[in-house]
mmCIF file of all heavy atoms, coordinates in Angstrom:
data_MODEL
# 
_entry.id   MODEL 
# 
loop_
_atom_site.group_PDB 
_atom_site.id 
_atom_site.type_symbol 
_atom_site.label_atom_id 
_atom_site.label_alt_id 
_atom_site.label_comp_id 
_atom_site.label_asym_id 
_atom_site.label_entity_id 
_atom_site.label_seq_id 
_atom_site.pdbx_PDB_ins_code 
_atom_site.Cartn_x 
_atom_site.Cartn_y 
_atom_site.Cartn_z 
_atom_site.occupancy 
_atom_site.B_iso_or_equiv 
_atom_site.pdbx_formal_charge 
_atom_site.auth_seq_id 
_atom_site.auth_comp_id 
_atom_site.auth_asym_id 
_atom_site.auth_atom_id 
_atom_site.pdbx_PDB_model_num 
ATOM 1   N N   . VAL A 1 1  ? 56.814 -43.248 -143.225 1.00 0.00 ? 1  VAL A N   1 
ATOM 2   C CA  . VAL A 1 1  ? 56.645 -41.816 -142.985 1.00 0.00 ? 1  VAL A CA  1 
ATOM 3   C C   . VAL A 1 1  ? 57.701 -41.340 -141.993 1.00 0.00 ? 1  VAL A C   1 
ATOM 4   O O   . VAL A 1 1  ? 57.783 -41.863 -140.876 1.00 0.00 ? 1  VAL A O   1 
ATOM 5   C CB  . VAL A 1 1  ? 55.236 -41.510 -142.427 1.00 0.00 ? 1  VAL A CB  1 
ATOM 6   C CG1 . VAL A 1 1  ? 55.088 -40.017 -142.142 1.00 0.00 ? 1  VAL A CG1 1 
ATOM 7   C CG2 . VAL A 1 1  ? 54.161 -41.987 -143.399 1.00 0.00 ? 1  VAL A CG2 1 
ATOM 8   N N   . PRO A 1 2  ? 58.513 -40.364 -142.368 1.00 0.00 ? 2  PRO A N   1 
ATOM 9   C CA  . PRO A 1 2  ? 59.477 -39.825 -141.405 1.00 0.00 ? 2  PRO A CA  1 
ATOM 10  C C   . PRO A 1 2  ? 58.759 -38.935 -140.392 1.00 0.00 ? 2  PRO A C   1 
ATOM 11  O O   . PRO A 1 2  ? 58.044 -38.004 -140.752 1.00 0.00 ? 2  PRO A O   1 
ATOM 12  C CB  . PRO A 1 2  ? 60.434 -39.009 -142.282 1.00 0.00 ? 2  PRO A CB  1 
ATOM 13  C CG  . PRO A 1 2  ? 59.610 -38.629 -143.485 1.00 0.00 ? 2  PRO A CG  1 
ATOM 14  C CD  . PRO A 1 2  ? 58.648 -39.763 -143.703 1.00 0.00 ? 2  PRO A CD  1 
ATOM 15  N N   . GLY A 1 3  ? 58.938 -39.241 -139.127 1.00 0.00 ? 3  GLY A N   1 
ATOM 16  C CA  . GLY A 1 3  ? 58.304 -38.467 -138.075 1.00 0.00 ? 3  GLY A CA  1 
ATOM 17  C C   . GLY A 1 3  ? 59.289 -37.541 -137.371 1.00 0.00 ? 3  GLY A C   1 
ATOM 18  O O   . GLY A 1 3  ? 60.448 -37.421 -137.774 1.00 0.00 ? 3  GLY A O   1 
ATOM 19  N N   . PRO A 1 4  ? 58.858 -36.902 -136.297 1.00 0.00 ? 4  PRO A N   1 
ATOM 20  C CA  . PRO A 1 4  ? 59.732 -35.960 -135.574 1.00 0.00 ? 4  PRO A CA  1 
ATOM 21  C C   . PRO A 1 4  ? 60.919 -36.677 -134.955 1.00 0.00 ? 4  PRO A C   1 
ATOM 22  O O   . PRO A 1 4  ? 60.769 -37.749 -134.378 1.00 0.00 ? 4  PRO A O   1 
ATOM 23  C CB  . PRO A 1 4  ? 58.810 -35.396 -134.486 1.00 0.00 ? 4  PRO A CB  1 
ATOM 24  C CG  . PRO A 1 4  ? 57.412 -35.735 -134.913 1.00 0.00 ? 4  PRO A CG  1 
ATOM 25  C CD  . PRO A 1 4  ? 57.505 -36.980 -135.717 1.00 0.00 ? 4  PRO A CD  1 
ATOM 26  N N   . ARG A 1 5  ? 62.084 -36.069 -135.042 1.00 0.00 ? 5  ARG A N   1 
ATOM 27  C CA  . ARG A 1 5  ? 63.272 -36.633 -134.421 1.00 0.00 ? 5  ARG A CA  1 
ATOM 28  C C   . ARG A 1 5  ? 63.479 -36.081 -133.013 1.00 0.00 ? 5  ARG A C   1 
ATOM 29  O O   . ARG A 1 5  ? 64.350 -36.548 -132.288 1.00 0.00 ? 5  ARG A O   1 
ATOM 30  C CB  . ARG A 1 5  ? 64.510 -36.343 -135.280 1.00 0.00 ? 5  ARG A CB  1 
ATOM 31  C CG  . ARG A 1 5  ? 64.513 -37.046 -136.621 1.00 0.00 ? 5  ARG A CG  1 
ATOM 32  C CD  . ARG A 1 5  ? 64.349 -38.555 -136.487 1.00 0.00 ? 5  ARG A CD  1 
ATOM 33  N NE  . ARG A 1 5  ? 65.325 -39.160 -135.608 1.00 0.00 ? 5  ARG A NE  1 
ATOM 34  C CZ  . ARG A 1 5  ? 66.512 -39.614 -136.006 1.00 0.00 ? 5  ARG A CZ  1 
ATOM 35  N NH1 . ARG A 1 5  ? 66.854 -39.507 -137.270 1.00 0.00 ? 5  ARG A NH1 1 
ATOM 36  N NH2 . ARG A 1 5  ? 67.341 -40.170 -135.150 1.00 0.00 ? 5  ARG A NH2 1 
ATOM 37  N N   . HIS A 1 6  ? 62.688 -35.083 -132.638 1.00 0.00 ? 6  HIS A N   1 
ATOM 38  C CA  . HIS A 1 6  ? 62.797 -34.490 -131.312 1.00 0.00 ? 6  HIS A CA  1 
ATOM 39  C C   . HIS A 1 6  ? 61.622 -34.951 -130.451 1.00 0.00 ? 6  HIS A C   1 
ATOM 40  O O   . HIS A 1 6  ? 60.550 -35.262 -130.960 1.00 0.00 ? 6  HIS A O   1 
ATOM 41  C CB  . HIS A 1 6  ? 62.793 -32.959 -131.408 1.00 0.00 ? 6  HIS A CB  1 
ATOM 42  C CG  . HIS A 1 6  ? 61.618 -32.427 -132.172 1.00 0.00 ? 6  HIS A CG  1 
ATOM 43  N ND1 . HIS A 1 6  ? 61.637 -32.241 -133.548 1.00 0.00 ? 6  HIS A ND1 1 
ATOM 44  C CD2 . HIS A 1 6  ? 60.362 -32.051 -131.765 1.00 0.00 ? 6  HIS A CD2 1 
ATOM 45  C CE1 . HIS A 1 6  ? 60.467 -31.777 -133.948 1.00 0.00 ? 6  HIS A CE1 1 
ATOM 46  N NE2 . HIS A 1 6  ? 59.677 -31.651 -132.894 1.00 0.00 ? 6  HIS A NE2 1 
ATOM 47  N N   . PRO A 1 7  ? 61.779 -35.000 -129.135 1.00 0.00 ? 7  PRO A N   1 
ATOM 48  C CA  . PRO A 1 7  ? 60.688 -35.427 -128.259 1.00 0.00 ? 7  PRO A CA  1 
ATOM 49  C C   . PRO A 1 7  ? 59.530 -34.429 -128.287 1.00 0.00 ? 7  PRO A C   1 
ATOM 50  O O   . PRO A 1 7  ? 59.731 -33.217 -128.411 1.00 0.00 ? 7  PRO A O   1 
ATOM 51  C CB  . PRO A 1 7  ? 61.345 -35.467 -126.869 1.00 0.00 ? 7  PRO A CB  1 
ATOM 52  C CG  . PRO A 1 7  ? 62.811 -35.458 -127.108 1.00 0.00 ? 7  PRO A CG  1 
ATOM 53  C CD  . PRO A 1 7  ? 63.022 -34.741 -128.391 1.00 0.00 ? 7  PRO A CD  1 
ATOM 54  N N   . LEU A 1 8  ? 58.315 -34.955 -128.166 1.00 0.00 ? 8  LEU A N   1 
ATOM 55  C CA  . LEU A 1 8  ? 57.105 -34.137 -128.133 1.00 0.00 ? 8  LEU A CA  1 
ATOM 56  C C   . LEU A 1 8  ? 56.444 -34.264 -126.767 1.00 0.00 ? 8  LEU A C   1 
ATOM 57  O O   . LEU A 1 8  ? 56.686 -35.220 -126.023 1.00 0.00 ? 8  LEU A O   1 
ATOM 58  C CB  . LEU A 1 8  ? 56.120 -34.587 -129.217 1.00 0.00 ? 8  LEU A CB  1 
ATOM 59  C CG  . LEU A 1 8  ? 56.590 -34.523 -130.665 1.00 0.00 ? 8  LEU A CG  1 
ATOM 60  C CD1 . LEU A 1 8  ? 55.539 -35.141 -131.585 1.00 0.00 ? 8  LEU A CD1 1 
ATOM 61  C CD2 . LEU A 1 8  ? 56.883 -33.088 -131.088 1.00 0.00 ? 8  LEU A CD2 1 
ATOM 62  N N   . ALA A 1 9  ? 55.597 -33.292 -126.448 1.00 0.00 ? 9  ALA A N   1 
ATOM 63  C CA  . ALA A 1 9  ? 54.800 -33.332 -125.228 1.00 0.00 ? 9  ALA A CA  1 
ATOM 64  C C   . ALA A 1 9  ? 53.429 -32.759 -125.539 1.00 0.00 ? 9  ALA A C   1 
ATOM 65  O O   . ALA A 1 9  ? 53.284 -31.892 -126.412 1.00 0.00 ? 9  ALA A O   1 
ATOM 66  C CB  . ALA A 1 9  ? 55.469 -32.551 -124.101 1.00 0.00 ? 9  ALA A CB  1 
ATOM 67  N N   . LEU A 1 10 ? 52.426 -33.236 -124.830 1.00 0.00 ? 10 LEU A N   1 
ATOM 68  C CA  . LEU A 1 10 ? 51.058 -32.762 -125.004 1.00 0.00 ? 10 LEU A CA  1 
ATOM 69  C C   . LEU A 1 10 ? 50.502 -32.404 -123.635 1.00 0.00 ? 10 LEU A C   1 
ATOM 70  O O   . LEU A 1 10 ? 50.378 -33.264 -122.762 1.00 0.00 ? 10 LEU A O   1 
ATOM 71  C CB  . LEU A 1 10 ? 50.203 -33.835 -125.672 1.00 0.00 ? 10 LEU A CB  1 
ATOM 72  C CG  . LEU A 1 10 ? 48.761 -33.470 -126.025 1.00 0.00 ? 10 LEU A CG  1 
ATOM 73  C CD1 . LEU A 1 10 ? 48.723 -32.278 -126.978 1.00 0.00 ? 10 LEU A CD1 1 
ATOM 74  C CD2 . LEU A 1 10 ? 48.044 -34.661 -126.655 1.00 0.00 ? 10 LEU A CD2 1 
ATOM 75  N N   . GLN A 1 11 ? 50.229 -31.123 -123.446 1.00 0.00 ? 11 GLN A N   1 
ATOM 76  C CA  . GLN A 1 11 ? 49.769 -30.605 -122.159 1.00 0.00 ? 11 GLN A CA  1 
ATOM 77  C C   . GLN A 1 11 ? 50.713 -31.024 -121.033 1.00 0.00 ? 11 GLN A C   1 
ATOM 78  O O   . GLN A 1 11 ? 50.289 -31.414 -119.944 1.00 0.00 ? 11 GLN A O   1 
ATOM 79  C CB  . GLN A 1 11 ? 48.338 -31.047 -121.872 1.00 0.00 ? 11 GLN A CB  1 
ATOM 80  C CG  . GLN A 1 11 ? 47.543 -30.060 -121.032 1.00 0.00 ? 11 GLN A CG  1 
ATOM 81  C CD  . GLN A 1 11 ? 46.049 -30.258 -121.162 1.00 0.00 ? 11 GLN A CD  1 
ATOM 82  O OE1 . GLN A 1 11 ? 45.587 -31.178 -121.836 1.00 0.00 ? 11 GLN A OE1 1 
ATOM 83  N NE2 . GLN A 1 11 ? 45.279 -29.387 -120.518 1.00 0.00 ? 11 GLN A NE2 1 
ATOM 84  N N   . GLY A 1 12 ? 52.006 -30.958 -121.328 1.00 0.00 ? 12 GLY A N   1 
ATOM 85  C CA  . GLY A 1 12 ? 53.020 -31.272 -120.339 1.00 0.00 ? 12 GLY A CA  1 
ATOM 86  C C   . GLY A 1 12 ? 53.323 -32.743 -120.182 1.00 0.00 ? 12 GLY A C   1 
ATOM 87  O O   . GLY A 1 12 ? 54.264 -33.100 -119.472 1.00 0.00 ? 12 GLY A O   1 
ATOM 88  N N   . ARG A 1 13 ? 52.564 -33.633 -120.847 1.00 0.00 ? 13 ARG A N   1 
ATOM 89  C CA  . ARG A 1 13 ? 52.818 -35.072 -120.750 1.00 0.00 ? 13 ARG A CA  1 
ATOM 90  C C   . ARG A 1 13 ? 53.726 -35.514 -121.889 1.00 0.00 ? 13 ARG A C   1 
ATOM 91  O O   . ARG A 1 13 ? 53.408 -35.275 -123.065 1.00 0.00 ? 13 ARG A O   1 
ATOM 92  C CB  . ARG A 1 13 ? 51.523 -35.865 -120.823 1.00 0.00 ? 13 ARG A CB  1 
ATOM 93  C CG  . ARG A 1 13 ? 50.733 -35.924 -119.522 1.00 0.00 ? 13 ARG A CG  1 
ATOM 94  C CD  . ARG A 1 13 ? 49.968 -34.661 -119.248 1.00 0.00 ? 13 ARG A CD  1 
ATOM 95  N NE  . ARG A 1 13 ? 49.030 -34.847 -118.130 1.00 0.00 ? 13 ARG A NE  1 
ATOM 96  C CZ  . ARG A 1 13 ? 48.317 -33.860 -117.621 1.00 0.00 ? 13 ARG A CZ  1 
ATOM 97  N NH1 . ARG A 1 13 ? 48.423 -32.633 -118.112 1.00 0.00 ? 13 ARG A NH1 1 
ATOM 98  N NH2 . ARG A 1 13 ? 47.484 -34.101 -116.612 1.00 0.00 ? 13 ARG A NH2 1 
ATOM 99  N N   . PRO A 1 14 ? 54.854 -36.161 -121.599 1.00 0.00 ? 14 PRO A N   1 
ATOM 100 C CA  . PRO A 1 14 ? 55.765 -36.599 -122.671 1.00 0.00 ? 14 PRO A CA  1 
ATOM 101 C C   . PRO A 1 14 ? 55.108 -37.637 -123.586 1.00 0.00 ? 14 PRO A C   1 
ATOM 102 O O   . PRO A 1 14 ? 54.413 -38.542 -123.125 1.00 0.00 ? 14 PRO A O   1 
ATOM 103 C CB  . PRO A 1 14 ? 56.941 -37.226 -121.913 1.00 0.00 ? 14 PRO A CB  1 
ATOM 104 C CG  . PRO A 1 14 ? 56.854 -36.662 -120.533 1.00 0.00 ? 14 PRO A CG  1 
ATOM 105 C CD  . PRO A 1 14 ? 55.403 -36.445 -120.259 1.00 0.00 ? 14 PRO A CD  1 
ATOM 106 N N   . VAL A 1 15 ? 55.331 -37.479 -124.885 1.00 0.00 ? 15 VAL A N   1 
ATOM 107 C CA  . VAL A 1 15 ? 54.883 -38.466 -125.862 1.00 0.00 ? 15 VAL A CA  1 
ATOM 108 C C   . VAL A 1 15 ? 55.938 -39.565 -125.911 1.00 0.00 ? 15 VAL A C   1 
ATOM 109 O O   . VAL A 1 15 ? 57.070 -39.343 -126.355 1.00 0.00 ? 15 VAL A O   1 
ATOM 110 C CB  . VAL A 1 15 ? 54.689 -37.838 -127.255 1.00 0.00 ? 15 VAL A CB  1 
ATOM 111 C CG1 . VAL A 1 15 ? 54.311 -38.907 -128.273 1.00 0.00 ? 15 VAL A CG1 1 
ATOM 112 C CG2 . VAL A 1 15 ? 53.614 -36.746 -127.198 1.00 0.00 ? 15 VAL A CG2 1 
ATOM 113 N N   . LEU A 1 16 ? 55.575 -40.765 -125.457 1.00 0.00 ? 16 LEU A N   1 
ATOM 114 C CA  . LEU A 1 16 ? 56.518 -41.880 -125.405 1.00 0.00 ? 16 LEU A CA  1 
ATOM 115 C C   . LEU A 1 16 ? 56.744 -42.496 -126.776 1.00 0.00 ? 16 LEU A C   1 
ATOM 116 O O   . LEU A 1 16 ? 57.864 -42.886 -127.106 1.00 0.00 ? 16 LEU A O   1 
ATOM 117 C CB  . LEU A 1 16 ? 56.012 -42.945 -124.428 1.00 0.00 ? 16 LEU A CB  1 
ATOM 118 C CG  . LEU A 1 16 ? 55.784 -42.478 -122.996 1.00 0.00 ? 16 LEU A CG  1 
ATOM 119 C CD1 . LEU A 1 16 ? 55.184 -43.605 -122.163 1.00 0.00 ? 16 LEU A CD1 1 
ATOM 120 C CD2 . LEU A 1 16 ? 57.095 -41.994 -122.373 1.00 0.00 ? 16 LEU A CD2 1 
ATOM 121 N N   . GLU A 1 17 ? 55.687 -42.612 -127.550 1.00 0.00 ? 17 GLU A N   1 
ATOM 122 C CA  . GLU A 1 17 ? 55.813 -43.198 -128.883 1.00 0.00 ? 17 GLU A CA  1 
ATOM 123 C C   . GLU A 1 17 ? 54.643 -42.776 -129.756 1.00 0.00 ? 17 GLU A C   1 
ATOM 124 O O   . GLU A 1 17 ? 53.577 -42.393 -129.269 1.00 0.00 ? 17 GLU A O   1 
ATOM 125 C CB  . GLU A 1 17 ? 55.893 -44.721 -128.815 1.00 0.00 ? 17 GLU A CB  1 
ATOM 126 C CG  . GLU A 1 17 ? 54.698 -45.395 -128.196 1.00 0.00 ? 17 GLU A CG  1 
ATOM 127 C CD  . GLU A 1 17 ? 54.855 -46.907 -128.163 1.00 0.00 ? 17 GLU A CD  1 
ATOM 128 O OE1 . GLU A 1 17 ? 55.664 -47.438 -128.944 1.00 0.00 ? 17 GLU A OE1 1 
ATOM 129 O OE2 . GLU A 1 17 ? 54.165 -47.560 -127.363 1.00 0.00 ? 17 GLU A OE2 1 
ATOM 130 N N   . LEU A 1 18 ? 54.863 -42.839 -131.068 1.00 0.00 ? 18 LEU A N   1 
ATOM 131 C CA  . LEU A 1 18 ? 53.833 -42.592 -132.066 1.00 0.00 ? 18 LEU A CA  1 
ATOM 132 C C   . LEU A 1 18 ? 53.652 -43.865 -132.879 1.00 0.00 ? 18 LEU A C   1 
ATOM 133 O O   . LEU A 1 18 ? 54.626 -44.420 -133.400 1.00 0.00 ? 18 LEU A O   1 
ATOM 134 C CB  . LEU A 1 18 ? 54.231 -41.431 -132.988 1.00 0.00 ? 18 LEU A CB  1 
ATOM 135 C CG  . LEU A 1 18 ? 54.352 -40.045 -132.340 1.00 0.00 ? 18 LEU A CG  1 
ATOM 136 C CD1 . LEU A 1 18 ? 54.820 -39.025 -133.366 1.00 0.00 ? 18 LEU A CD1 1 
ATOM 137 C CD2 . LEU A 1 18 ? 53.028 -39.611 -131.735 1.00 0.00 ? 18 LEU A CD2 1 
ATOM 138 N N   . VAL A 1 19 ? 52.416 -44.312 -132.990 1.00 0.00 ? 19 VAL A N   1 
ATOM 139 C CA  . VAL A 1 19 ? 52.117 -45.585 -133.652 1.00 0.00 ? 19 VAL A CA  1 
ATOM 140 C C   . VAL A 1 19 ? 51.146 -45.318 -134.805 1.00 0.00 ? 19 VAL A C   1 
ATOM 141 O O   . VAL A 1 19 ? 50.036 -44.829 -134.575 1.00 0.00 ? 19 VAL A O   1 
ATOM 142 C CB  . VAL A 1 19 ? 51.504 -46.588 -132.649 1.00 0.00 ? 19 VAL A CB  1 
ATOM 143 C CG1 . VAL A 1 19 ? 51.293 -47.935 -133.310 1.00 0.00 ? 19 VAL A CG1 1 
ATOM 144 C CG2 . VAL A 1 19 ? 52.384 -46.721 -131.412 1.00 0.00 ? 19 VAL A CG2 1 
ATOM 145 N N   . PRO A 1 20 ? 51.539 -45.630 -136.055 1.00 0.00 ? 20 PRO A N   1 
ATOM 146 C CA  . PRO A 1 20 ? 50.697 -45.297 -137.202 1.00 0.00 ? 20 PRO A CA  1 
ATOM 147 C C   . PRO A 1 20 ? 49.719 -46.418 -137.569 1.00 0.00 ? 20 PRO A C   1 
ATOM 148 O O   . PRO A 1 20 ? 49.938 -47.590 -137.242 1.00 0.00 ? 20 PRO A O   1 
ATOM 149 C CB  . PRO A 1 20 ? 51.723 -45.110 -138.319 1.00 0.00 ? 20 PRO A CB  1 
ATOM 150 C CG  . PRO A 1 20 ? 52.774 -46.147 -137.989 1.00 0.00 ? 20 PRO A CG  1 
ATOM 151 C CD  . PRO A 1 20 ? 52.830 -46.201 -136.470 1.00 0.00 ? 20 PRO A CD  1 
ATOM 152 N N   . ALA A 1 21 ? 48.656 -46.053 -138.269 1.00 0.00 ? 21 ALA A N   1 
ATOM 153 C CA  . ALA A 1 21 ? 47.705 -47.040 -138.792 1.00 0.00 ? 21 ALA A CA  1 
ATOM 154 C C   . ALA A 1 21 ? 47.151 -46.527 -140.115 1.00 0.00 ? 21 ALA A C   1 
ATOM 155 O O   . ALA A 1 21 ? 46.794 -45.351 -140.230 1.00 0.00 ? 21 ALA A O   1 
ATOM 156 C CB  . ALA A 1 21 ? 46.564 -47.284 -137.803 1.00 0.00 ? 21 ALA A CB  1 
ATOM 157 N N   . VAL A 1 22 ? 47.107 -47.407 -141.102 1.00 0.00 ? 22 VAL A N   1 
ATOM 158 C CA  . VAL A 1 22 ? 46.550 -47.066 -142.409 1.00 0.00 ? 22 VAL A CA  1 
ATOM 159 C C   . VAL A 1 22 ? 45.455 -48.070 -142.757 1.00 0.00 ? 22 VAL A C   1 
ATOM 160 O O   . VAL A 1 22 ? 45.433 -49.185 -142.242 1.00 0.00 ? 22 VAL A O   1 
ATOM 161 C CB  . VAL A 1 22 ? 47.633 -47.066 -143.514 1.00 0.00 ? 22 VAL A CB  1 
ATOM 162 C CG1 . VAL A 1 22 ? 48.567 -45.889 -143.342 1.00 0.00 ? 22 VAL A CG1 1 
ATOM 163 C CG2 . VAL A 1 22 ? 48.403 -48.377 -143.525 1.00 0.00 ? 22 VAL A CG2 1 
ATOM 164 N N   . PRO A 1 23 ? 44.532 -47.682 -143.641 1.00 0.00 ? 23 PRO A N   1 
ATOM 165 C CA  . PRO A 1 23 ? 43.419 -48.572 -143.983 1.00 0.00 ? 23 PRO A CA  1 
ATOM 166 C C   . PRO A 1 23 ? 43.809 -49.596 -145.030 1.00 0.00 ? 23 PRO A C   1 
ATOM 167 O O   . PRO A 1 23 ? 44.889 -49.522 -145.637 1.00 0.00 ? 23 PRO A O   1 
ATOM 168 C CB  . PRO A 1 23 ? 42.370 -47.605 -144.532 1.00 0.00 ? 23 PRO A CB  1 
ATOM 169 C CG  . PRO A 1 23 ? 43.174 -46.502 -145.152 1.00 0.00 ? 23 PRO A CG  1 
ATOM 170 C CD  . PRO A 1 23 ? 44.394 -46.356 -144.274 1.00 0.00 ? 23 PRO A CD  1 
ATOM 171 N N   . ILE A 1 24 ? 42.919 -50.557 -145.235 1.00 0.00 ? 24 ILE A N   1 
ATOM 172 C CA  . ILE A 1 24 ? 43.064 -51.511 -146.331 1.00 0.00 ? 24 ILE A CA  1 
ATOM 173 C C   . ILE A 1 24 ? 41.886 -51.332 -147.282 1.00 0.00 ? 24 ILE A C   1 
ATOM 174 O O   . ILE A 1 24 ? 40.794 -50.919 -146.881 1.00 0.00 ? 24 ILE A O   1 
ATOM 175 C CB  . ILE A 1 24 ? 43.130 -52.974 -145.836 1.00 0.00 ? 24 ILE A CB  1 
ATOM 176 C CG1 . ILE A 1 24 ? 41.922 -53.314 -144.954 1.00 0.00 ? 24 ILE A CG1 1 
ATOM 177 C CG2 . ILE A 1 24 ? 44.424 -53.226 -145.090 1.00 0.00 ? 24 ILE A CG2 1 
ATOM 178 C CD1 . ILE A 1 24 ? 41.846 -54.771 -144.549 1.00 0.00 ? 24 ILE A CD1 1 
ATOM 179 N N   . ALA A 1 25 ? 42.119 -51.629 -148.554 1.00 0.00 ? 25 ALA A N   1 
ATOM 180 C CA  . ALA A 1 25 ? 41.095 -51.484 -149.593 1.00 0.00 ? 25 ALA A CA  1 
ATOM 181 C C   . ALA A 1 25 ? 41.572 -52.217 -150.830 1.00 0.00 ? 25 ALA A C   1 
ATOM 182 O O   . ALA A 1 25 ? 42.695 -52.734 -150.873 1.00 0.00 ? 25 ALA A O   1 
ATOM 183 C CB  . ALA A 1 25 ? 40.848 -50.000 -149.899 1.00 0.00 ? 25 ALA A CB  1 
ATOM 184 N N   . MET A 1 26 ? 40.712 -52.293 -151.850 1.00 0.00 ? 26 MET A N   1 
ATOM 185 C CA  . MET A 1 26 ? 41.076 -52.843 -153.161 1.00 0.00 ? 26 MET A CA  1 
ATOM 186 C C   . MET A 1 26 ? 41.695 -54.236 -153.053 1.00 0.00 ? 26 MET A C   1 
ATOM 187 O O   . MET A 1 26 ? 42.716 -54.526 -153.651 1.00 0.00 ? 26 MET A O   1 
ATOM 188 C CB  . MET A 1 26 ? 42.019 -51.886 -153.902 1.00 0.00 ? 26 MET A CB  1 
ATOM 189 C CG  . MET A 1 26 ? 41.388 -50.551 -154.227 1.00 0.00 ? 26 MET A CG  1 
ATOM 190 S SD  . MET A 1 26 ? 42.455 -49.487 -155.198 1.00 0.00 ? 26 MET A SD  1 
ATOM 191 C CE  . MET A 1 26 ? 42.474 -50.382 -156.770 1.00 0.00 ? 26 MET A CE  1 
ATOM 192 N N   . ARG A 1 27 ? 41.086 -55.090 -152.218 1.00 0.00 ? 27 ARG A N   1 
ATOM 193 C CA  . ARG A 1 27 ? 41.471 -56.493 -152.078 1.00 0.00 ? 27 ARG A CA  1 
ATOM 194 C C   . ARG A 1 27 ? 42.812 -56.687 -151.372 1.00 0.00 ? 27 ARG A C   1 
ATOM 195 O O   . ARG A 1 27 ? 43.302 -57.814 -151.289 1.00 0.00 ? 27 ARG A O   1 
ATOM 196 C CB  . ARG A 1 27 ? 41.493 -57.189 -153.449 1.00 0.00 ? 27 ARG A CB  1 
ATOM 197 C CG  . ARG A 1 27 ? 40.147 -57.255 -154.137 1.00 0.00 ? 27 ARG A CG  1 
ATOM 198 C CD  . ARG A 1 27 ? 40.271 -57.798 -155.562 1.00 0.00 ? 27 ARG A CD  1 
ATOM 199 N NE  . ARG A 1 27 ? 40.893 -59.117 -155.589 1.00 0.00 ? 27 ARG A NE  1 
ATOM 200 C CZ  . ARG A 1 27 ? 40.230 -60.265 -155.488 1.00 0.00 ? 27 ARG A CZ  1 
ATOM 201 N NH1 . ARG A 1 27 ? 38.913 -60.259 -155.336 1.00 0.00 ? 27 ARG A NH1 1 
ATOM 202 N NH2 . ARG A 1 27 ? 40.864 -61.429 -155.537 1.00 0.00 ? 27 ARG A NH2 1 
ATOM 203 N N   . LEU A 1 28 ? 43.400 -55.622 -150.838 1.00 0.00 ? 28 LEU A N   1 
ATOM 204 C CA  . LEU A 1 28 ? 44.637 -55.757 -150.075 1.00 0.00 ? 28 LEU A CA  1 
ATOM 205 C C   . LEU A 1 28 ? 44.257 -56.107 -148.641 1.00 0.00 ? 28 LEU A C   1 
ATOM 206 O O   . LEU A 1 28 ? 43.674 -55.295 -147.929 1.00 0.00 ? 28 LEU A O   1 
ATOM 207 C CB  . LEU A 1 28 ? 45.450 -54.462 -150.109 1.00 0.00 ? 28 LEU A CB  1 
ATOM 208 C CG  . LEU A 1 28 ? 45.827 -53.930 -151.485 1.00 0.00 ? 28 LEU A CG  1 
ATOM 209 C CD1 . LEU A 1 28 ? 46.677 -52.682 -151.345 1.00 0.00 ? 28 LEU A CD1 1 
ATOM 210 C CD2 . LEU A 1 28 ? 46.560 -54.987 -152.287 1.00 0.00 ? 28 LEU A CD2 1 
# 
């Protein structure tokens, strides 16, 4: 998944990194 190329902040706190998670199903 292509994410933002620019820095983000939440309530003034810098977002250091974004970490994704997806589920497993169908014997995977």
